[in-house]
């Protein structure tokens, strides 16, 4: 039996900086860029996601900011490191510091940036922060069981499918969603990290299958 060791860092909103993208704590100053990102591919029209309509982005940011103040979420704007363009959004959420677990979710990316490696690097930054800075033992990733692109991307991170939560969520179109649950645990993280770093560098990792960017 593995025992918990080491201190757990408090929930803090810090910038996570990579080679292709940087993750900035989500604020109202990202509003216009985020609207542009969701219009790139009309992401809100995809039934298997919960991407906000451009008219609802302000409320989305305000809700995310409130959750950050409560200490339950760390919402980010995904920003192109070279141009400063907002590409999408993602979050560390359902943060439970006592049990050392959290979830990565609310991830979406402008359609034109799919397949560019932006999502892979964003997930590498978030997972590294979760395991190595926040002291988490478990990171969960949930998605609509119908969302083949998202499921392939999550599996490509080295996450394990644990099962399906039946009739788990009511989607905005009224569909009652079954949710696929994946996770990465602390013992699995070093191998997953090595494979993700290889993928970011353009090398084909042997431990993980190829995967599209997530939506």
C-alpha atoms as a PDB file:
ATOM      1  CA  UNK A   1       0.000   0.000   0.000  1.00  0.00           C
ATOM      2  CA  UNK A   2       1.384   3.383  -1.018  1.00  0.00           C
ATOM      3  CA  UNK A   3       1.302   6.078   1.653  1.00  0.00           C
ATOM      4  CA  UNK A   4       0.850   9.792   1.024  1.00  0.00           C
ATOM      5  CA  UNK A   5       4.051  11.739   1.541  1.00  0.00           C
ATOM      6  CA  UNK A   6       5.136  15.363   1.247  1.00  0.00           C
ATOM      7  CA  UNK A   7       3.290  18.606   1.684  1.00  0.00           C
ATOM      8  CA  UNK A   8       0.393  19.667  -0.484  1.00  0.00           C
ATOM      9  CA  UNK A   9       0.791  23.156  -1.934  1.00  0.00           C
ATOM     10  CA  UNK A  10      -2.118  25.588  -1.575  1.00  0.00           C
ATOM     11  CA  UNK A  11      -4.319  26.334  -4.572  1.00  0.00           C
ATOM     12  CA  UNK A  12      -2.669  29.193  -6.445  1.00  0.00           C
ATOM     13  CA  UNK A  13      -3.291  30.710  -9.858  1.00  0.00           C
ATOM     14  CA  UNK A  14       0.108  30.853 -11.508  1.00  0.00           C
ATOM     15  CA  UNK A  15       1.152  31.227 -15.131  1.00  0.00           C
ATOM     16  CA  UNK A  16       2.248  27.968 -16.767  1.00  0.00           C
ATOM     17  CA  UNK A  17       4.625  28.669 -19.640  1.00  0.00           C
ATOM     18  CA  UNK A  18       5.631  26.290 -22.412  1.00  0.00           C
ATOM     19  CA  UNK A  19       7.270  26.488 -25.827  1.00  0.00           C
ATOM     20  CA  UNK A  20       4.053  26.742 -27.885  1.00  0.00           C
ATOM     21  CA  UNK A  21       1.494  27.941 -25.375  1.00  0.00           C
ATOM     22  CA  UNK A  22       1.221  29.603 -22.028  1.00  0.00           C
ATOM     23  CA  UNK A  23      -1.655  29.189 -19.628  1.00  0.00           C
ATOM     24  CA  UNK A  24      -2.730  32.463 -18.040  1.00  0.00           C
ATOM     25  CA  UNK A  25      -5.233  32.645 -15.163  1.00  0.00           C
ATOM     26  CA  UNK A  26      -8.528  33.408 -16.926  1.00  0.00           C
ATOM     27  CA  UNK A  27      -9.721  37.005 -16.545  1.00  0.00           C
ATOM     28  CA  UNK A  28     -12.172  39.358 -18.242  1.00  0.00           C
ATOM     29  CA  UNK A  29      -9.285  40.785 -20.290  1.00  0.00           C
ATOM     30  CA  UNK A  30      -9.345  37.477 -22.224  1.00  0.00           C
ATOM     31  CA  UNK A  31     -13.004  37.968 -23.197  1.00  0.00           C
ATOM     32  CA  UNK A  32     -12.622  39.150 -26.785  1.00  0.00           C
ATOM     33  CA  UNK A  33      -9.884  36.655 -27.584  1.00  0.00           C
ATOM     34  CA  UNK A  34     -11.917  33.803 -26.139  1.00  0.00           C
ATOM     35  CA  UNK A  35     -14.947  34.839 -28.196  1.00  0.00           C
ATOM     36  CA  UNK A  36     -12.777  34.721 -31.299  1.00  0.00           C
ATOM     37  CA  UNK A  37     -11.480  31.282 -30.330  1.00  0.00           C
ATOM     38  CA  UNK A  38     -14.947  29.752 -29.899  1.00  0.00           C
ATOM     39  CA  UNK A  39     -16.072  31.274 -33.203  1.00  0.00           C
ATOM     40  CA  UNK A  40     -13.150  29.457 -34.878  1.00  0.00           C
ATOM     41  CA  UNK A  41     -15.036  26.312 -35.768  1.00  0.00           C
ATOM     42  CA  UNK A  42     -18.358  27.366 -34.131  1.00  0.00           C
ATOM     43  CA  UNK A  43     -17.364  25.232 -31.156  1.00  0.00           C
ATOM     44  CA  UNK A  44     -20.579  25.864 -29.210  1.00  0.00           C
ATOM     45  CA  UNK A  45     -22.524  23.951 -31.879  1.00  0.00           C
ATOM     46  CA  UNK A  46     -20.830  20.650 -31.013  1.00  0.00           C
ATOM     47  CA  UNK A  47     -23.351  18.604 -29.027  1.00  0.00           C
ATOM     48  CA  UNK A  48     -20.714  16.550 -27.195  1.00  0.00           C
ATOM     49  CA  UNK A  49     -19.098  19.591 -25.562  1.00  0.00           C
ATOM     50  CA  UNK A  50     -20.140  22.436 -23.257  1.00  0.00           C
ATOM     51  CA  UNK A  51     -18.371  25.286 -25.038  1.00  0.00           C
ATOM     52  CA  UNK A  52     -20.123  28.621 -24.376  1.00  0.00           C
ATOM     53  CA  UNK A  53     -21.713  30.664 -27.154  1.00  0.00           C
ATOM     54  CA  UNK A  54     -19.821  33.936 -27.744  1.00  0.00           C
ATOM     55  CA  UNK A  55     -22.733  35.787 -26.115  1.00  0.00           C
ATOM     56  CA  UNK A  56     -22.200  33.718 -22.960  1.00  0.00           C
ATOM     57  CA  UNK A  57     -18.429  34.033 -22.662  1.00  0.00           C
ATOM     58  CA  UNK A  58     -18.565  36.888 -20.145  1.00  0.00           C
ATOM     59  CA  UNK A  59     -20.730  34.817 -17.812  1.00  0.00           C
ATOM     60  CA  UNK A  60     -18.414  31.844 -18.362  1.00  0.00           C
ATOM     61  CA  UNK A  61     -15.417  33.931 -17.252  1.00  0.00           C
ATOM     62  CA  UNK A  62     -17.261  35.393 -14.264  1.00  0.00           C
ATOM     63  CA  UNK A  63     -18.313  31.931 -13.085  1.00  0.00           C
ATOM     64  CA  UNK A  64     -14.752  30.677 -13.492  1.00  0.00           C
ATOM     65  CA  UNK A  65     -13.386  33.639 -11.548  1.00  0.00           C
ATOM     66  CA  UNK A  66     -15.813  32.968  -8.672  1.00  0.00           C
ATOM     67  CA  UNK A  67     -14.727  29.324  -8.532  1.00  0.00           C
ATOM     68  CA  UNK A  68     -11.088  30.428  -8.405  1.00  0.00           C
ATOM     69  CA  UNK A  69     -11.837  32.682  -5.431  1.00  0.00           C
ATOM     70  CA  UNK A  70     -13.491  29.723  -3.686  1.00  0.00           C
ATOM     71  CA  UNK A  71     -10.354  27.639  -4.267  1.00  0.00           C
ATOM     72  CA  UNK A  72     -12.123  24.842  -6.124  1.00  0.00           C
ATOM     73  CA  UNK A  73     -10.873  25.621  -9.634  1.00  0.00           C
ATOM     74  CA  UNK A  74      -7.969  27.217 -11.466  1.00  0.00           C
ATOM     75  CA  UNK A  75      -9.322  28.365 -14.860  1.00  0.00           C
ATOM     76  CA  UNK A  76      -6.893  29.267 -17.623  1.00  0.00           C
ATOM     77  CA  UNK A  77      -6.841  31.021 -20.961  1.00  0.00           C
ATOM     78  CA  UNK A  78      -4.736  29.028 -23.416  1.00  0.00           C
ATOM     79  CA  UNK A  79      -2.569  31.590 -25.208  1.00  0.00           C
ATOM     80  CA  UNK A  80      -0.222  31.253 -28.184  1.00  0.00           C
ATOM     81  CA  UNK A  81       3.252  31.849 -26.747  1.00  0.00           C
ATOM     82  CA  UNK A  82       4.507  33.543 -29.913  1.00  0.00           C
ATOM     83  CA  UNK A  83       1.596  35.821 -30.817  1.00  0.00           C
ATOM     84  CA  UNK A  84      -0.376  36.282 -27.590  1.00  0.00           C
ATOM     85  CA  UNK A  85      -3.560  35.139 -29.329  1.00  0.00           C
ATOM     86  CA  UNK A  86      -6.114  33.424 -27.098  1.00  0.00           C
ATOM     87  CA  UNK A  87      -6.618  29.885 -28.413  1.00  0.00           C
ATOM     88  CA  UNK A  88      -9.122  28.531 -25.910  1.00  0.00           C
ATOM     89  CA  UNK A  89      -9.585  27.696 -22.277  1.00  0.00           C
ATOM     90  CA  UNK A  90      -9.021  24.860 -19.802  1.00  0.00           C
ATOM     91  CA  UNK A  91      -9.196  24.307 -16.030  1.00  0.00           C
ATOM     92  CA  UNK A  92      -7.868  22.493 -13.040  1.00  0.00           C
ATOM     93  CA  UNK A  93     -11.123  21.800 -11.211  1.00  0.00           C
ATOM     94  CA  UNK A  94     -12.813  19.711  -8.507  1.00  0.00           C
ATOM     95  CA  UNK A  95      -9.668  20.414  -6.491  1.00  0.00           C
ATOM     96  CA  UNK A  96      -9.539  18.383  -3.283  1.00  0.00           C
ATOM     97  CA  UNK A  97      -6.286  19.171  -1.500  1.00  0.00           C
ATOM     98  CA  UNK A  98      -7.091  16.924   1.465  1.00  0.00           C
ATOM     99  CA  UNK A  99      -7.499  13.864  -0.758  1.00  0.00           C
ATOM    100  CA  UNK A 100      -4.891  15.104  -3.267  1.00  0.00           C
ATOM    101  CA  UNK A 101      -6.969  14.776  -6.373  1.00  0.00           C
ATOM    102  CA  UNK A 102      -8.342  17.074  -9.048  1.00  0.00           C
ATOM    103  CA  UNK A 103      -9.862  17.045 -12.502  1.00  0.00           C
ATOM    104  CA  UNK A 104      -8.759  18.648 -15.762  1.00  0.00           C
ATOM    105  CA  UNK A 105     -11.770  19.845 -17.705  1.00  0.00           C
ATOM    106  CA  UNK A 106     -13.619  22.588 -19.583  1.00  0.00           C
ATOM    107  CA  UNK A 107     -10.979  22.205 -22.305  1.00  0.00           C
ATOM    108  CA  UNK A 108     -11.595  23.622 -25.754  1.00  0.00           C
ATOM    109  CA  UNK A 109      -9.343  24.936 -28.477  1.00  0.00           C
ATOM    110  CA  UNK A 110      -9.908  26.977 -31.650  1.00  0.00           C
ATOM    111  CA  UNK A 111     -10.523  24.560 -34.519  1.00  0.00           C
ATOM    112  CA  UNK A 112      -7.638  25.971 -36.561  1.00  0.00           C
ATOM    113  CA  UNK A 113      -5.240  24.976 -33.783  1.00  0.00           C
ATOM    114  CA  UNK A 114      -6.240  21.337 -33.625  1.00  0.00           C
ATOM    115  CA  UNK A 115      -3.343  19.047 -34.497  1.00  0.00           C
ATOM    116  CA  UNK A 116      -0.699  21.692 -33.748  1.00  0.00           C
ATOM    117  CA  UNK A 117       0.454  20.241 -30.447  1.00  0.00           C
ATOM    118  CA  UNK A 118      -1.083  23.088 -28.443  1.00  0.00           C
ATOM    119  CA  UNK A 119      -3.323  20.789 -26.425  1.00  0.00           C
ATOM    120  CA  UNK A 120      -0.541  18.288 -25.779  1.00  0.00           C
ATOM    121  CA  UNK A 121       1.687  20.985 -24.331  1.00  0.00           C
ATOM    122  CA  UNK A 122      -1.142  22.533 -22.305  1.00  0.00           C
ATOM    123  CA  UNK A 123      -1.888  19.161 -20.735  1.00  0.00           C
ATOM    124  CA  UNK A 124       1.812  18.587 -20.043  1.00  0.00           C
ATOM    125  CA  UNK A 125       1.974  21.940 -18.244  1.00  0.00           C
ATOM    126  CA  UNK A 126      -1.156  21.237 -16.209  1.00  0.00           C
ATOM    127  CA  UNK A 127      -0.245  17.695 -15.263  1.00  0.00           C
ATOM    128  CA  UNK A 128       3.252  18.756 -14.247  1.00  0.00           C
ATOM    129  CA  UNK A 129       1.795  21.502 -12.073  1.00  0.00           C
ATOM    130  CA  UNK A 130      -0.774  19.154 -10.537  1.00  0.00           C
ATOM    131  CA  UNK A 131       1.640  16.349  -9.637  1.00  0.00           C
ATOM    132  CA  UNK A 132       4.863  18.247  -8.999  1.00  0.00           C
ATOM    133  CA  UNK A 133       3.767  21.627  -7.596  1.00  0.00           C
ATOM    134  CA  UNK A 134       0.390  20.862  -6.028  1.00  0.00           C
ATOM    135  CA  UNK A 135       1.287  17.402  -4.757  1.00  0.00           C
ATOM    136  CA  UNK A 136      -1.682  15.587  -6.279  1.00  0.00           C
ATOM    137  CA  UNK A 137      -1.923  11.795  -6.227  1.00  0.00           C
ATOM    138  CA  UNK A 138      -4.599  11.552  -8.915  1.00  0.00           C
ATOM    139  CA  UNK A 139      -5.756  13.594 -11.907  1.00  0.00           C
ATOM    140  CA  UNK A 140      -9.086  12.781 -13.532  1.00  0.00           C
ATOM    141  CA  UNK A 141     -10.255  13.599 -17.057  1.00  0.00           C
ATOM    142  CA  UNK A 142     -13.942  13.177 -17.947  1.00  0.00           C
ATOM    143  CA  UNK A 143     -15.649  13.399 -21.320  1.00  0.00           C
ATOM    144  CA  UNK A 144     -18.863  12.532 -23.126  1.00  0.00           C
ATOM    145  CA  UNK A 145     -18.736   8.852 -24.047  1.00  0.00           C
ATOM    146  CA  UNK A 146     -19.760   9.873 -27.602  1.00  0.00           C
ATOM    147  CA  UNK A 147     -16.807  12.256 -28.011  1.00  0.00           C
ATOM    148  CA  UNK A 148     -14.349  10.042 -29.909  1.00  0.00           C
ATOM    149  CA  UNK A 149     -11.853  12.875 -30.511  1.00  0.00           C
ATOM    150  CA  UNK A 150     -11.678  13.799 -26.848  1.00  0.00           C
ATOM    151  CA  UNK A 151     -11.421  10.162 -25.742  1.00  0.00           C
ATOM    152  CA  UNK A 152      -8.551   9.523 -28.143  1.00  0.00           C
ATOM    153  CA  UNK A 153      -6.747  12.651 -26.935  1.00  0.00           C
ATOM    154  CA  UNK A 154      -7.154  11.676 -23.283  1.00  0.00           C
ATOM    155  CA  UNK A 155      -5.922   8.144 -23.930  1.00  0.00           C
ATOM    156  CA  UNK A 156      -2.984   9.715 -25.750  1.00  0.00           C
ATOM    157  CA  UNK A 157      -1.971  11.431 -22.519  1.00  0.00           C
ATOM    158  CA  UNK A 158      -1.376   8.048 -20.908  1.00  0.00           C
ATOM    159  CA  UNK A 159      -4.633   8.108 -18.930  1.00  0.00           C
ATOM    160  CA  UNK A 160      -6.445   4.903 -17.989  1.00  0.00           C
ATOM    161  CA  UNK A 161     -10.133   4.409 -18.738  1.00  0.00           C
ATOM    162  CA  UNK A 162     -11.759   3.488 -15.438  1.00  0.00           C
ATOM    163  CA  UNK A 163     -15.353   3.161 -16.562  1.00  0.00           C
ATOM    164  CA  UNK A 164     -18.493   5.001 -17.605  1.00  0.00           C
ATOM    165  CA  UNK A 165     -20.805   6.987 -15.347  1.00  0.00           C
ATOM    166  CA  UNK A 166     -24.266   6.325 -16.785  1.00  0.00           C
ATOM    167  CA  UNK A 167     -26.803   9.176 -17.049  1.00  0.00           C
ATOM    168  CA  UNK A 168     -24.222  11.409 -15.421  1.00  0.00           C
ATOM    169  CA  UNK A 169     -24.999  14.863 -16.841  1.00  0.00           C
ATOM    170  CA  UNK A 170     -27.791  16.733 -18.592  1.00  0.00           C
ATOM    171  CA  UNK A 171     -26.409  18.553 -21.631  1.00  0.00           C
ATOM    172  CA  UNK A 172     -27.801  21.914 -22.747  1.00  0.00           C
ATOM    173  CA  UNK A 173     -29.759  20.236 -25.586  1.00  0.00           C
ATOM    174  CA  UNK A 174     -31.421  17.952 -23.036  1.00  0.00           C
ATOM    175  CA  UNK A 175     -29.337  14.884 -23.841  1.00  0.00           C
ATOM    176  CA  UNK A 176     -28.576  12.796 -20.734  1.00  0.00           C
ATOM    177  CA  UNK A 177     -24.874  12.169 -21.034  1.00  0.00           C
ATOM    178  CA  UNK A 178     -22.921   9.056 -20.165  1.00  0.00           C
ATOM    179  CA  UNK A 179     -19.453  10.130 -19.034  1.00  0.00           C
ATOM    180  CA  UNK A 180     -16.205   8.249 -19.665  1.00  0.00           C
ATOM    181  CA  UNK A 181     -13.838   8.559 -16.689  1.00  0.00           C
ATOM    182  CA  UNK A 182     -10.053   8.469 -17.156  1.00  0.00           C
ATOM    183  CA  UNK A 183      -7.246   9.055 -14.674  1.00  0.00           C
ATOM    184  CA  UNK A 184      -3.498   9.329 -14.259  1.00  0.00           C
ATOM    185  CA  UNK A 185      -2.028   8.494 -10.848  1.00  0.00           C
ATOM    186  CA  UNK A 186       1.206   9.621  -9.244  1.00  0.00           C
ATOM    187  CA  UNK A 187       3.051   6.313  -9.906  1.00  0.00           C
ATOM    188  CA  UNK A 188       2.052   6.530 -13.588  1.00  0.00           C
ATOM    189  CA  UNK A 189       3.065  10.148 -14.016  1.00  0.00           C
ATOM    190  CA  UNK A 190       6.838   9.791 -14.705  1.00  0.00           C
ATOM    191  CA  UNK A 191       6.269   7.503 -17.686  1.00  0.00           C
ATOM    192  CA  UNK A 192       3.396   9.598 -18.997  1.00  0.00           C
ATOM    193  CA  UNK A 193       5.467  12.770 -18.634  1.00  0.00           C
ATOM    194  CA  UNK A 194       8.399  11.283 -20.518  1.00  0.00           C
ATOM    195  CA  UNK A 195       6.122  10.259 -23.381  1.00  0.00           C
ATOM    196  CA  UNK A 196       4.417  13.660 -23.518  1.00  0.00           C
ATOM    197  CA  UNK A 197       7.769  15.451 -23.561  1.00  0.00           C
ATOM    198  CA  UNK A 198       8.862  13.223 -26.434  1.00  0.00           C
ATOM    199  CA  UNK A 199       5.674  14.043 -28.326  1.00  0.00           C
ATOM    200  CA  UNK A 200       6.174  17.767 -27.758  1.00  0.00           C
ATOM    201  CA  UNK A 201       9.705  17.462 -29.145  1.00  0.00           C
ATOM    202  CA  UNK A 202       8.356  15.792 -32.273  1.00  0.00           C
ATOM    203  CA  UNK A 203       9.506  12.293 -31.407  1.00  0.00           C
ATOM    204  CA  UNK A 204       7.043   9.412 -31.563  1.00  0.00           C
ATOM    205  CA  UNK A 205       6.709   8.092 -28.005  1.00  0.00           C
ATOM    206  CA  UNK A 206       6.562   4.323 -27.677  1.00  0.00           C
ATOM    207  CA  UNK A 207       4.453   4.378 -24.505  1.00  0.00           C
ATOM    208  CA  UNK A 208       1.496   6.322 -25.848  1.00  0.00           C
ATOM    209  CA  UNK A 209      -0.627   6.043 -29.000  1.00  0.00           C
ATOM    210  CA  UNK A 210      -0.908   8.979 -31.391  1.00  0.00           C
ATOM    211  CA  UNK A 211      -3.891  11.180 -30.571  1.00  0.00           C
ATOM    212  CA  UNK A 212      -5.619  14.294 -31.897  1.00  0.00           C
ATOM    213  CA  UNK A 213      -5.891  17.503 -29.919  1.00  0.00           C
ATOM    214  CA  UNK A 214      -8.781  17.354 -27.492  1.00  0.00           C
ATOM    215  CA  UNK A 215     -12.100  19.119 -27.715  1.00  0.00           C
END
